[in-house]
N, C-alpha and C. Protein backbone atom coordinates (compact mmCIF):
# COMPACT_ATOMS: atom_id res chain seq x y z
N MET A 1 -4.93 11.96 48.89
CA MET A 1 -4.35 10.64 48.67
C MET A 1 -5.44 9.62 48.36
N LYS A 2 -6.56 9.71 49.08
CA LYS A 2 -7.67 8.79 48.88
C LYS A 2 -8.27 8.96 47.48
N VAL A 3 -8.36 10.20 47.03
CA VAL A 3 -8.91 10.49 45.71
C VAL A 3 -8.00 9.92 44.62
N LEU A 4 -6.71 10.04 44.78
CA LEU A 4 -5.75 9.49 43.83
C LEU A 4 -5.89 7.97 43.73
N PHE A 5 -6.06 7.32 44.87
CA PHE A 5 -6.24 5.86 44.88
C PHE A 5 -7.51 5.47 44.11
N VAL A 6 -8.60 6.19 44.32
CA VAL A 6 -9.87 5.90 43.63
C VAL A 6 -9.70 6.10 42.12
N ILE A 7 -9.01 7.15 41.73
CA ILE A 7 -8.78 7.42 40.30
C ILE A 7 -7.96 6.30 39.67
N ILE A 8 -6.92 5.86 40.36
CA ILE A 8 -6.07 4.78 39.84
C ILE A 8 -6.88 3.49 39.70
N VAL A 9 -7.69 3.17 40.69
CA VAL A 9 -8.52 1.96 40.64
C VAL A 9 -9.50 2.05 39.47
N LEU A 10 -10.14 3.19 39.29
CA LEU A 10 -11.09 3.36 38.19
C LEU A 10 -10.41 3.23 36.83
N LEU A 11 -9.21 3.80 36.71
CA LEU A 11 -8.46 3.68 35.47
C LEU A 11 -8.10 2.22 35.18
N LEU A 12 -7.66 1.50 36.20
CA LEU A 12 -7.33 0.09 36.02
C LEU A 12 -8.57 -0.72 35.63
N LEU A 13 -9.70 -0.43 36.23
CA LEU A 13 -10.94 -1.12 35.87
C LEU A 13 -11.33 -0.81 34.41
N ALA A 14 -11.18 0.44 34.00
CA ALA A 14 -11.51 0.82 32.63
C ALA A 14 -10.61 0.11 31.63
N VAL A 15 -9.32 0.08 31.91
CA VAL A 15 -8.37 -0.62 31.04
C VAL A 15 -8.70 -2.10 30.98
N GLY A 16 -9.02 -2.68 32.13
CA GLY A 16 -9.39 -4.10 32.16
C GLY A 16 -10.64 -4.39 31.37
N LEU A 17 -11.62 -3.51 31.45
CA LEU A 17 -12.86 -3.69 30.70
C LEU A 17 -12.60 -3.61 29.19
N VAL A 18 -11.81 -2.65 28.77
CA VAL A 18 -11.47 -2.53 27.35
C VAL A 18 -10.73 -3.77 26.88
N TRP A 19 -9.78 -4.23 27.64
CA TRP A 19 -9.02 -5.44 27.29
C TRP A 19 -9.94 -6.65 27.17
N PHE A 20 -10.87 -6.78 28.12
CA PHE A 20 -11.83 -7.88 28.10
C PHE A 20 -12.68 -7.83 26.84
N MET A 21 -13.15 -6.64 26.46
CA MET A 21 -13.98 -6.49 25.26
C MET A 21 -13.19 -6.85 24.01
N ILE A 22 -11.94 -6.49 23.97
CA ILE A 22 -11.09 -6.85 22.82
C ILE A 22 -10.94 -8.36 22.73
N LEU A 23 -10.70 -9.01 23.85
CA LEU A 23 -10.56 -10.46 23.86
C LEU A 23 -11.84 -11.16 23.43
N VAL A 24 -12.99 -10.69 23.90
CA VAL A 24 -14.26 -11.29 23.53
C VAL A 24 -14.50 -11.14 22.04
N THR A 25 -14.22 -9.97 21.50
CA THR A 25 -14.39 -9.74 20.07
C THR A 25 -13.48 -10.64 19.25
N MET A 26 -12.25 -10.81 19.69
CA MET A 26 -11.30 -11.62 18.94
C MET A 26 -11.66 -13.10 18.97
N ARG A 27 -12.34 -13.55 19.98
CA ARG A 27 -12.61 -14.98 20.14
C ARG A 27 -13.89 -15.43 19.44
N ARG A 28 -14.70 -14.51 18.94
CA ARG A 28 -15.92 -14.94 18.24
C ARG A 28 -15.52 -15.75 17.03
N MET A 29 -16.02 -16.96 16.97
CA MET A 29 -15.71 -17.85 15.87
C MET A 29 -17.01 -18.41 15.31
N LEU A 30 -16.91 -19.00 14.16
CA LEU A 30 -18.07 -19.64 13.55
C LEU A 30 -18.48 -20.85 14.38
N ARG A 31 -19.76 -21.00 14.60
CA ARG A 31 -20.27 -22.18 15.29
C ARG A 31 -20.35 -23.33 14.31
N ALA A 32 -20.55 -24.53 14.84
CA ALA A 32 -20.50 -25.75 14.03
C ALA A 32 -21.44 -25.70 12.83
N GLY A 33 -22.70 -25.33 13.03
CA GLY A 33 -23.65 -25.27 11.92
C GLY A 33 -23.26 -24.25 10.87
N ALA A 34 -22.76 -23.12 11.34
CA ALA A 34 -22.32 -22.07 10.43
C ALA A 34 -21.10 -22.52 9.65
N LYS A 35 -20.19 -23.23 10.32
CA LYS A 35 -19.01 -23.75 9.63
C LYS A 35 -19.41 -24.65 8.49
N ARG A 36 -20.34 -25.56 8.76
CA ARG A 36 -20.77 -26.47 7.70
C ARG A 36 -21.40 -25.72 6.54
N ALA A 37 -22.21 -24.71 6.84
CA ALA A 37 -22.85 -23.93 5.77
C ALA A 37 -21.80 -23.19 4.94
N ILE A 38 -20.81 -22.61 5.60
CA ILE A 38 -19.75 -21.89 4.89
C ILE A 38 -18.93 -22.86 4.06
N GLU A 39 -18.59 -24.00 4.63
CA GLU A 39 -17.79 -25.00 3.91
C GLU A 39 -18.54 -25.55 2.70
N LYS A 40 -19.85 -25.75 2.85
CA LYS A 40 -20.66 -26.23 1.72
C LYS A 40 -20.74 -25.16 0.64
N ALA A 41 -20.93 -23.91 1.05
CA ALA A 41 -20.99 -22.81 0.08
C ALA A 41 -19.67 -22.67 -0.66
N TRP A 42 -18.57 -22.93 0.03
CA TRP A 42 -17.26 -22.80 -0.60
C TRP A 42 -17.09 -23.80 -1.75
N GLN A 43 -17.71 -24.96 -1.63
CA GLN A 43 -17.62 -25.96 -2.69
C GLN A 43 -18.17 -25.41 -4.01
N LYS A 44 -19.14 -24.50 -3.94
CA LYS A 44 -19.70 -23.89 -5.14
C LYS A 44 -18.68 -22.99 -5.83
N VAL A 45 -17.81 -22.37 -5.03
CA VAL A 45 -16.78 -21.50 -5.61
C VAL A 45 -15.91 -22.32 -6.56
N ALA A 46 -15.51 -23.48 -6.12
CA ALA A 46 -14.63 -24.33 -6.94
C ALA A 46 -15.34 -24.82 -8.20
N SER A 47 -16.66 -24.93 -8.16
CA SER A 47 -17.39 -25.49 -9.30
C SER A 47 -17.68 -24.46 -10.40
N HIS A 48 -17.52 -23.18 -10.12
CA HIS A 48 -17.79 -22.16 -11.14
C HIS A 48 -16.73 -22.18 -12.23
N GLU A 49 -17.17 -22.07 -13.45
CA GLU A 49 -16.25 -21.98 -14.59
C GLU A 49 -15.69 -20.56 -14.71
N SER A 50 -16.52 -19.59 -14.45
CA SER A 50 -16.15 -18.20 -14.64
C SER A 50 -15.31 -17.67 -13.47
N PRO A 51 -14.12 -17.14 -13.76
CA PRO A 51 -13.31 -16.56 -12.68
C PRO A 51 -14.05 -15.43 -11.96
N ALA A 52 -14.79 -14.62 -12.70
CA ALA A 52 -15.52 -13.50 -12.07
C ALA A 52 -16.57 -14.02 -11.09
N LEU A 53 -17.25 -15.10 -11.44
CA LEU A 53 -18.24 -15.68 -10.53
C LEU A 53 -17.58 -16.27 -9.29
N LYS A 54 -16.43 -16.88 -9.47
CA LYS A 54 -15.69 -17.40 -8.31
C LYS A 54 -15.39 -16.27 -7.34
N LEU A 55 -14.94 -15.16 -7.89
CA LEU A 55 -14.57 -14.00 -7.08
C LEU A 55 -15.78 -13.45 -6.33
N VAL A 56 -16.89 -13.30 -7.02
CA VAL A 56 -18.12 -12.77 -6.41
C VAL A 56 -18.62 -13.71 -5.33
N GLU A 57 -18.65 -15.00 -5.60
CA GLU A 57 -19.13 -15.98 -4.62
C GLU A 57 -18.24 -16.01 -3.38
N ALA A 58 -16.93 -15.98 -3.55
CA ALA A 58 -16.02 -15.99 -2.41
C ALA A 58 -16.24 -14.77 -1.52
N ASP A 59 -16.45 -13.62 -2.15
CA ASP A 59 -16.71 -12.38 -1.42
C ASP A 59 -18.01 -12.50 -0.63
N LYS A 60 -19.04 -13.05 -1.26
CA LYS A 60 -20.34 -13.22 -0.58
C LYS A 60 -20.22 -14.17 0.61
N ILE A 61 -19.42 -15.21 0.47
CA ILE A 61 -19.25 -16.18 1.55
C ILE A 61 -18.55 -15.52 2.74
N LEU A 62 -17.52 -14.73 2.49
CA LEU A 62 -16.85 -14.03 3.58
C LEU A 62 -17.82 -13.07 4.26
N ASP A 63 -18.61 -12.36 3.49
CA ASP A 63 -19.60 -11.44 4.04
C ASP A 63 -20.57 -12.20 4.95
N GLU A 64 -21.05 -13.33 4.50
CA GLU A 64 -21.98 -14.14 5.28
C GLU A 64 -21.32 -14.69 6.54
N ALA A 65 -20.09 -15.14 6.44
CA ALA A 65 -19.38 -15.67 7.61
C ALA A 65 -19.25 -14.59 8.69
N LEU A 66 -18.90 -13.39 8.29
CA LEU A 66 -18.79 -12.30 9.26
C LEU A 66 -20.14 -11.95 9.86
N ARG A 67 -21.20 -12.02 9.06
CA ARG A 67 -22.55 -11.78 9.58
C ARG A 67 -22.93 -12.83 10.62
N LEU A 68 -22.60 -14.09 10.32
CA LEU A 68 -22.93 -15.18 11.24
C LEU A 68 -22.19 -15.05 12.58
N ILE A 69 -21.01 -14.47 12.54
CA ILE A 69 -20.24 -14.27 13.77
C ILE A 69 -20.81 -13.10 14.59
N GLY A 70 -21.50 -12.20 13.91
CA GLY A 70 -22.12 -11.10 14.64
C GLY A 70 -21.76 -9.71 14.17
N TYR A 71 -21.04 -9.59 13.06
CA TYR A 71 -20.70 -8.28 12.54
C TYR A 71 -21.82 -7.80 11.62
N ALA A 72 -22.08 -6.50 11.67
CA ALA A 72 -23.16 -5.92 10.87
C ALA A 72 -22.60 -4.88 9.90
N GLY A 73 -23.40 -4.56 8.90
CA GLY A 73 -23.04 -3.53 7.93
C GLY A 73 -22.61 -4.13 6.61
N THR A 74 -22.01 -3.28 5.78
CA THR A 74 -21.48 -3.75 4.50
C THR A 74 -20.25 -4.59 4.77
N LEU A 75 -19.76 -5.29 3.76
CA LEU A 75 -18.56 -6.09 3.96
C LEU A 75 -17.38 -5.18 4.34
N GLY A 76 -17.31 -4.02 3.74
CA GLY A 76 -16.24 -3.09 4.10
C GLY A 76 -16.29 -2.71 5.57
N GLU A 77 -17.50 -2.43 6.08
CA GLU A 77 -17.66 -2.09 7.51
C GLU A 77 -17.29 -3.28 8.39
N LYS A 78 -17.69 -4.47 7.97
CA LYS A 78 -17.36 -5.68 8.73
C LYS A 78 -15.86 -5.91 8.77
N LEU A 79 -15.19 -5.67 7.64
CA LEU A 79 -13.74 -5.85 7.60
C LEU A 79 -13.03 -4.86 8.51
N LYS A 80 -13.53 -3.64 8.58
CA LYS A 80 -12.92 -2.64 9.48
C LYS A 80 -13.05 -3.10 10.93
N LYS A 81 -14.22 -3.64 11.29
CA LYS A 81 -14.45 -4.07 12.67
C LYS A 81 -13.67 -5.35 13.00
N ALA A 82 -13.59 -6.26 12.05
CA ALA A 82 -12.99 -7.57 12.30
C ALA A 82 -11.53 -7.65 11.88
N GLY A 83 -10.97 -6.57 11.41
CA GLY A 83 -9.61 -6.56 10.86
C GLY A 83 -8.56 -7.33 11.62
N PRO A 84 -8.45 -7.14 12.93
CA PRO A 84 -7.39 -7.85 13.68
C PRO A 84 -7.53 -9.37 13.68
N ARG A 85 -8.68 -9.86 13.31
CA ARG A 85 -8.90 -11.31 13.31
C ARG A 85 -8.20 -12.01 12.15
N PHE A 86 -7.85 -11.24 11.13
CA PHE A 86 -7.30 -11.83 9.92
C PHE A 86 -5.77 -11.79 9.93
N SER A 87 -5.18 -12.88 9.46
CA SER A 87 -3.72 -12.93 9.39
C SER A 87 -3.16 -12.05 8.28
N ASP A 88 -4.00 -11.71 7.29
CA ASP A 88 -3.57 -10.85 6.18
C ASP A 88 -4.72 -9.92 5.80
N ILE A 89 -5.01 -8.95 6.65
CA ILE A 89 -6.13 -8.05 6.39
C ILE A 89 -5.91 -7.25 5.12
N ASN A 90 -4.67 -6.89 4.81
CA ASN A 90 -4.41 -6.15 3.57
C ASN A 90 -4.74 -7.01 2.35
N GLY A 91 -4.44 -8.29 2.43
CA GLY A 91 -4.79 -9.20 1.34
C GLY A 91 -6.29 -9.34 1.18
N VAL A 92 -7.01 -9.39 2.29
CA VAL A 92 -8.48 -9.50 2.23
C VAL A 92 -9.06 -8.24 1.59
N TRP A 93 -8.53 -7.08 1.99
CA TRP A 93 -8.99 -5.83 1.38
C TRP A 93 -8.69 -5.83 -0.12
N TRP A 94 -7.51 -6.30 -0.50
CA TRP A 94 -7.14 -6.34 -1.91
C TRP A 94 -8.14 -7.20 -2.69
N ALA A 95 -8.46 -8.37 -2.15
CA ALA A 95 -9.39 -9.28 -2.81
C ALA A 95 -10.78 -8.64 -2.93
N HIS A 96 -11.22 -7.99 -1.87
CA HIS A 96 -12.54 -7.34 -1.89
C HIS A 96 -12.57 -6.20 -2.91
N LYS A 97 -11.49 -5.43 -2.98
CA LYS A 97 -11.43 -4.34 -3.96
C LYS A 97 -11.39 -4.89 -5.39
N LEU A 98 -10.70 -6.00 -5.59
CA LEU A 98 -10.68 -6.65 -6.90
C LEU A 98 -12.09 -7.06 -7.29
N ARG A 99 -12.80 -7.65 -6.36
CA ARG A 99 -14.20 -8.03 -6.60
C ARG A 99 -15.04 -6.80 -6.96
N ASN A 100 -14.86 -5.71 -6.22
CA ASN A 100 -15.63 -4.49 -6.50
C ASN A 100 -15.33 -3.96 -7.90
N ARG A 101 -14.04 -3.98 -8.27
CA ARG A 101 -13.68 -3.55 -9.62
C ARG A 101 -14.32 -4.43 -10.67
N ALA A 102 -14.31 -5.73 -10.45
CA ALA A 102 -14.88 -6.67 -11.41
C ALA A 102 -16.37 -6.46 -11.58
N VAL A 103 -17.05 -6.10 -10.51
CA VAL A 103 -18.50 -5.95 -10.54
C VAL A 103 -18.93 -4.57 -11.04
N HIS A 104 -18.20 -3.53 -10.67
CA HIS A 104 -18.64 -2.17 -10.94
C HIS A 104 -17.94 -1.47 -12.10
N ASP A 105 -16.81 -1.97 -12.54
CA ASP A 105 -16.05 -1.31 -13.61
C ASP A 105 -16.03 -2.22 -14.84
N LEU A 106 -16.85 -1.90 -15.80
CA LEU A 106 -16.97 -2.74 -17.00
C LEU A 106 -15.69 -2.81 -17.81
N SER A 107 -14.84 -1.82 -17.67
CA SER A 107 -13.59 -1.81 -18.45
C SER A 107 -12.47 -2.57 -17.76
N SER A 108 -12.73 -3.11 -16.58
CA SER A 108 -11.68 -3.77 -15.81
C SER A 108 -12.10 -5.19 -15.45
N ALA A 109 -11.51 -6.14 -16.14
CA ALA A 109 -11.78 -7.55 -15.83
C ALA A 109 -10.52 -8.14 -15.20
N PRO A 110 -10.66 -8.78 -14.04
CA PRO A 110 -9.47 -9.36 -13.41
C PRO A 110 -8.94 -10.53 -14.24
N ASN A 111 -7.64 -10.69 -14.25
CA ASN A 111 -7.08 -11.83 -14.98
C ASN A 111 -7.11 -13.06 -14.08
N ASN A 112 -6.82 -14.21 -14.65
CA ASN A 112 -6.90 -15.48 -13.90
C ASN A 112 -5.94 -15.51 -12.71
N ASP A 113 -4.75 -14.93 -12.85
CA ASP A 113 -3.79 -14.91 -11.75
C ASP A 113 -4.32 -14.08 -10.57
N GLU A 114 -4.93 -12.95 -10.88
CA GLU A 114 -5.51 -12.12 -9.83
C GLU A 114 -6.64 -12.85 -9.12
N VAL A 115 -7.50 -13.50 -9.88
CA VAL A 115 -8.61 -14.23 -9.28
C VAL A 115 -8.09 -15.38 -8.43
N HIS A 116 -7.09 -16.08 -8.93
CA HIS A 116 -6.51 -17.19 -8.17
C HIS A 116 -5.94 -16.69 -6.84
N ARG A 117 -5.23 -15.58 -6.87
CA ARG A 117 -4.67 -15.00 -5.64
C ARG A 117 -5.78 -14.59 -4.69
N ALA A 118 -6.83 -13.96 -5.23
CA ALA A 118 -7.95 -13.51 -4.40
C ALA A 118 -8.65 -14.69 -3.73
N ILE A 119 -8.84 -15.77 -4.47
CA ILE A 119 -9.49 -16.96 -3.92
C ILE A 119 -8.66 -17.53 -2.77
N ILE A 120 -7.37 -17.55 -2.93
CA ILE A 120 -6.49 -18.03 -1.84
C ILE A 120 -6.63 -17.12 -0.61
N LEU A 121 -6.71 -15.82 -0.84
CA LEU A 121 -6.85 -14.87 0.27
C LEU A 121 -8.20 -15.01 0.97
N TYR A 122 -9.28 -15.19 0.19
CA TYR A 122 -10.60 -15.41 0.80
C TYR A 122 -10.60 -16.71 1.61
N LYS A 123 -9.99 -17.74 1.06
CA LYS A 123 -9.92 -19.03 1.76
C LYS A 123 -9.19 -18.88 3.09
N LYS A 124 -8.08 -18.16 3.09
CA LYS A 124 -7.32 -17.94 4.31
C LYS A 124 -8.13 -17.13 5.31
N ALA A 125 -8.86 -16.13 4.84
CA ALA A 125 -9.70 -15.32 5.72
C ALA A 125 -10.77 -16.17 6.39
N LEU A 126 -11.40 -17.06 5.63
CA LEU A 126 -12.42 -17.94 6.20
C LEU A 126 -11.80 -18.92 7.18
N THR A 127 -10.61 -19.37 6.90
CA THR A 127 -9.89 -20.25 7.84
C THR A 127 -9.58 -19.50 9.13
N ASP A 128 -9.21 -18.22 9.01
CA ASP A 128 -8.97 -17.40 10.19
C ASP A 128 -10.22 -17.28 11.07
N LEU A 129 -11.39 -17.38 10.46
CA LEU A 129 -12.66 -17.29 11.21
C LEU A 129 -13.11 -18.64 11.75
N GLY A 130 -12.36 -19.70 11.43
CA GLY A 130 -12.68 -21.00 11.99
C GLY A 130 -13.22 -22.03 11.02
N ALA A 131 -13.43 -21.65 9.75
CA ALA A 131 -13.91 -22.61 8.75
C ALA A 131 -12.77 -23.54 8.35
N ARG A 132 -13.13 -24.74 7.95
CA ARG A 132 -12.13 -25.70 7.46
C ARG A 132 -12.36 -25.89 5.97
N ILE A 133 -11.60 -25.14 5.21
CA ILE A 133 -11.77 -25.19 3.75
C ILE A 133 -10.51 -25.73 3.13
């Protein structure tokens, strides 16, 4: 009976620790200085004439924002780790894949509607991280 009690207590502690780690990960937000840097960088996105450059810049800003919060690796790896933080993770993945196609596939240029949608998705993702764009 005593052993069963110890096992139950240990299981409850383990579950509590996992829950605490999830909450800590979810609460990481951009700090004030980082927010200003991200918001300033976002202004450059709007100033680009080229839709492809807007797409590339927005992707780079999201990558940097996730790095500033503490995520490491490629943007794809960061998105896998930070996925639950985003209100539309599928949209963020779509935008990132569009950017990858635009950069790596010479025969595939995104149209203006696709770029516009991607920019909205990147903006929402940055807002989910605490930026005011």
